[in-house]
Amino acid sequence: MNRYESLAQAERRAIYERTKAALQIAKRNSVTLGNPRLTEAEFKRNVPESVKKATAARIGASIGRAAKVMKVIEKAREQGAHTLQSIADYLNEKTSIARLERACGQEPL
């Protein structure tokens, strides 16, 4: 190991020891770590609700994107693309959501 690696390793060890000691002192002094305005009960009550909202938003966005792609697939079928390969080729020509929306005759968001 060269000198700089040895110094870096010693510094990491020192930081670790200082942090560990500070946390032990805080624990002895009954210091609450984390967001002091959020009690454990509030955390347990609010986190699942926020997770539900975020999940619903992601699902909604996915359904919206799938509907847009499906419109393009329908247009591809109207233009004679009936095999998976020909539909994939058609979709690859439309590389962005904005292009997919324009291909469906919609105004891009």
C-alpha atoms as a PDB file:
ATOM      1  CA  MET A   1       0.000   0.000   0.000  1.00  0.00           C
ATOM      2  CA  ASN A   2       1.375   3.429  -0.786  1.00  0.00           C
ATOM      3  CA  ARG A   3       1.418   6.317   1.686  1.00  0.00           C
ATOM      4  CA  TYR A   4      -1.728   7.992   0.372  1.00  0.00           C
ATOM      5  CA  GLU A   5      -3.741   4.789   0.627  1.00  0.00           C
ATOM      6  CA  SER A   6      -2.519   4.325   4.197  1.00  0.00           C
ATOM      7  CA  LEU A   7      -3.443   7.906   5.080  1.00  0.00           C
ATOM      8  CA  ALA A   8      -6.878   7.556   3.475  1.00  0.00           C
ATOM      9  CA  GLN A   9      -7.550   4.319   5.318  1.00  0.00           C
ATOM     10  CA  ALA A  10      -6.462   5.886   8.621  1.00  0.00           C
ATOM     11  CA  GLU A  11      -8.728   8.884   7.976  1.00  0.00           C
ATOM     12  CA  ARG A  12     -11.711   6.598   7.196  1.00  0.00           C
ATOM     13  CA  ARG A  13     -11.084   4.743  10.449  1.00  0.00           C
ATOM     14  CA  ALA A  14     -10.857   8.024  12.387  1.00  0.00           C
ATOM     15  CA  ILE A  15     -14.111   9.332  10.852  1.00  0.00           C
ATOM     16  CA  TYR A  16     -15.834   6.037  11.678  1.00  0.00           C
ATOM     17  CA  GLU A  17     -14.647   6.161  15.300  1.00  0.00           C
ATOM     18  CA  ARG A  18     -15.652   9.827  15.745  1.00  0.00           C
ATOM     19  CA  THR A  19     -19.115   9.169  14.280  1.00  0.00           C
ATOM     20  CA  LYS A  20     -19.601   6.077  16.423  1.00  0.00           C
ATOM     21  CA  ALA A  21     -18.575   7.971  19.564  1.00  0.00           C
ATOM     22  CA  ALA A  22     -20.874  10.911  18.755  1.00  0.00           C
ATOM     23  CA  LEU A  23     -23.839   8.573  18.216  1.00  0.00           C
ATOM     24  CA  GLN A  24     -23.167   6.843  21.539  1.00  0.00           C
ATOM     25  CA  ILE A  25     -23.091  10.221  23.316  1.00  0.00           C
ATOM     26  CA  ALA A  26     -26.329  11.251  21.607  1.00  0.00           C
ATOM     27  CA  LYS A  27     -27.953   7.978  22.634  1.00  0.00           C
ATOM     28  CA  ARG A  28     -26.851   8.445  26.264  1.00  0.00           C
ATOM     29  CA  ASN A  29     -28.331  11.961  26.210  1.00  0.00           C
ATOM     30  CA  SER A  30     -31.647  10.663  24.747  1.00  0.00           C
ATOM     31  CA  VAL A  31     -31.270  12.674  21.559  1.00  0.00           C
ATOM     32  CA  THR A  32     -33.828  11.761  18.905  1.00  0.00           C
ATOM     33  CA  LEU A  33     -32.223  11.304  15.512  1.00  0.00           C
ATOM     34  CA  GLY A  34     -34.022  11.975  12.257  1.00  0.00           C
ATOM     35  CA  ASN A  35     -36.822  14.449  11.626  1.00  0.00           C
ATOM     36  CA  PRO A  36     -37.748  15.805  15.061  1.00  0.00           C
ATOM     37  CA  ARG A  37     -41.157  16.987  13.829  1.00  0.00           C
ATOM     38  CA  LEU A  38     -42.215  13.516  12.737  1.00  0.00           C
ATOM     39  CA  THR A  39     -43.141  11.161  15.536  1.00  0.00           C
ATOM     40  CA  GLU A  40     -42.988   7.415  15.044  1.00  0.00           C
ATOM     41  CA  ALA A  41     -46.790   7.186  15.005  1.00  0.00           C
ATOM     42  CA  GLU A  42     -47.016   9.879  12.333  1.00  0.00           C
ATOM     43  CA  PHE A  43     -44.320   8.135  10.332  1.00  0.00           C
ATOM     44  CA  LYS A  44     -46.164   4.809  10.436  1.00  0.00           C
ATOM     45  CA  ARG A  45     -49.460   6.486   9.561  1.00  0.00           C
ATOM     46  CA  ASN A  46     -48.202   8.760   6.754  1.00  0.00           C
ATOM     47  CA  VAL A  47     -45.644   6.624   4.958  1.00  0.00           C
ATOM     48  CA  PRO A  48     -48.072   3.932   3.798  1.00  0.00           C
ATOM     49  CA  GLU A  49     -50.434   6.634   2.502  1.00  0.00           C
ATOM     50  CA  SER A  50     -47.655   8.363   0.561  1.00  0.00           C
ATOM     51  CA  VAL A  51     -46.508   5.012  -0.812  1.00  0.00           C
ATOM     52  CA  LYS A  52     -50.070   4.313  -1.974  1.00  0.00           C
ATOM     53  CA  LYS A  53     -50.239   7.712  -3.705  1.00  0.00           C
ATOM     54  CA  ALA A  54     -46.877   7.241  -5.408  1.00  0.00           C
ATOM     55  CA  THR A  55     -47.823   3.744  -6.554  1.00  0.00           C
ATOM     56  CA  ALA A  56     -51.145   4.979  -7.908  1.00  0.00           C
ATOM     57  CA  ALA A  57     -49.365   7.766  -9.799  1.00  0.00           C
ATOM     58  CA  ARG A  58     -46.876   5.328 -11.350  1.00  0.00           C
ATOM     59  CA  ILE A  59     -49.665   2.935 -12.338  1.00  0.00           C
ATOM     60  CA  GLY A  60     -51.670   5.790 -13.835  1.00  0.00           C
ATOM     61  CA  ALA A  61     -48.688   6.971 -15.847  1.00  0.00           C
ATOM     62  CA  SER A  62     -48.014   3.420 -17.074  1.00  0.00           C
ATOM     63  CA  ILE A  63     -51.613   2.965 -18.157  1.00  0.00           C
ATOM     64  CA  GLY A  64     -51.477   6.298 -19.979  1.00  0.00           C
ATOM     65  CA  ARG A  65     -48.285   5.342 -21.810  1.00  0.00           C
ATOM     66  CA  ALA A  66     -49.699   1.922 -22.690  1.00  0.00           C
ATOM     67  CA  ALA A  67     -52.824   3.538 -24.127  1.00  0.00           C
ATOM     68  CA  LYS A  68     -50.693   5.843 -26.285  1.00  0.00           C
ATOM     69  CA  VAL A  69     -48.586   2.966 -27.571  1.00  0.00           C
ATOM     70  CA  MET A  70     -51.715   0.895 -28.228  1.00  0.00           C
ATOM     71  CA  LYS A  71     -53.102   3.682 -30.435  1.00  0.00           C
ATOM     72  CA  VAL A  72     -49.894   3.602 -32.472  1.00  0.00           C
ATOM     73  CA  ILE A  73     -50.079  -0.199 -32.717  1.00  0.00           C
ATOM     74  CA  GLU A  74     -53.655   0.102 -33.997  1.00  0.00           C
ATOM     75  CA  LYS A  75     -52.466   2.637 -36.572  1.00  0.00           C
ATOM     76  CA  ALA A  76     -49.638   0.263 -37.564  1.00  0.00           C
ATOM     77  CA  ARG A  77     -52.166  -2.528 -38.063  1.00  0.00           C
ATOM     78  CA  GLU A  78     -54.301  -0.237 -40.223  1.00  0.00           C
ATOM     79  CA  GLN A  79     -51.213   0.348 -42.382  1.00  0.00           C
ATOM     80  CA  GLY A  80     -50.597  -3.390 -42.810  1.00  0.00           C
ATOM     81  CA  ALA A  81     -48.321  -4.291 -39.892  1.00  0.00           C
ATOM     82  CA  HIS A  82     -49.748  -7.600 -38.696  1.00  0.00           C
ATOM     83  CA  THR A  83     -46.743  -9.540 -37.408  1.00  0.00           C
ATOM     84  CA  LEU A  84     -44.953  -8.742 -34.156  1.00  0.00           C
ATOM     85  CA  GLN A  85     -41.811  -7.917 -36.118  1.00  0.00           C
ATOM     86  CA  SER A  86     -43.584  -5.475 -38.423  1.00  0.00           C
ATOM     87  CA  ILE A  87     -45.285  -3.806 -35.437  1.00  0.00           C
ATOM     88  CA  ALA A  88     -41.920  -3.581 -33.634  1.00  0.00           C
ATOM     89  CA  ASP A  89     -40.345  -2.057 -36.760  1.00  0.00           C
ATOM     90  CA  TYR A  90     -43.177   0.476 -36.951  1.00  0.00           C
ATOM     91  CA  LEU A  91     -42.762   1.376 -33.261  1.00  0.00           C
ATOM     92  CA  ASN A  92     -38.991   1.704 -33.650  1.00  0.00           C
ATOM     93  CA  GLU A  93     -39.563   4.328 -36.320  1.00  0.00           C
ATOM     94  CA  LYS A  94     -41.454   6.352 -33.688  1.00  0.00           C
ATOM     95  CA  THR A  95     -38.720   6.719 -31.075  1.00  0.00           C
ATOM     96  CA  SER A  96     -40.293   9.144 -28.611  1.00  0.00           C
ATOM     97  CA  ILE A  97     -43.622   9.608 -26.876  1.00  0.00           C
ATOM     98  CA  ALA A  98     -44.027  12.921 -28.711  1.00  0.00           C
ATOM     99  CA  ARG A  99     -43.586  11.101 -32.027  1.00  0.00           C
ATOM    100  CA  LEU A 100     -45.980   8.383 -30.868  1.00  0.00           C
ATOM    101  CA  GLU A 101     -48.559  11.038 -29.988  1.00  0.00           C
ATOM    102  CA  ARG A 102     -48.128  12.793 -33.339  1.00  0.00           C
ATOM    103  CA  ALA A 103     -48.449   9.443 -35.120  1.00  0.00           C
ATOM    104  CA  CYS A 104     -51.806   8.994 -33.354  1.00  0.00           C
ATOM    105  CA  GLY A 105     -52.890  12.472 -34.444  1.00  0.00           C
ATOM    106  CA  GLN A 106     -52.620  13.856 -30.911  1.00  0.00           C
ATOM    107  CA  GLU A 107     -50.840  16.990 -29.744  1.00  0.00           C
ATOM    108  CA  PRO A 108     -47.715  16.070 -27.704  1.00  0.00           C
ATOM    109  CA  LEU A 109     -47.866  16.889 -24.006  1.00  0.00           C
END
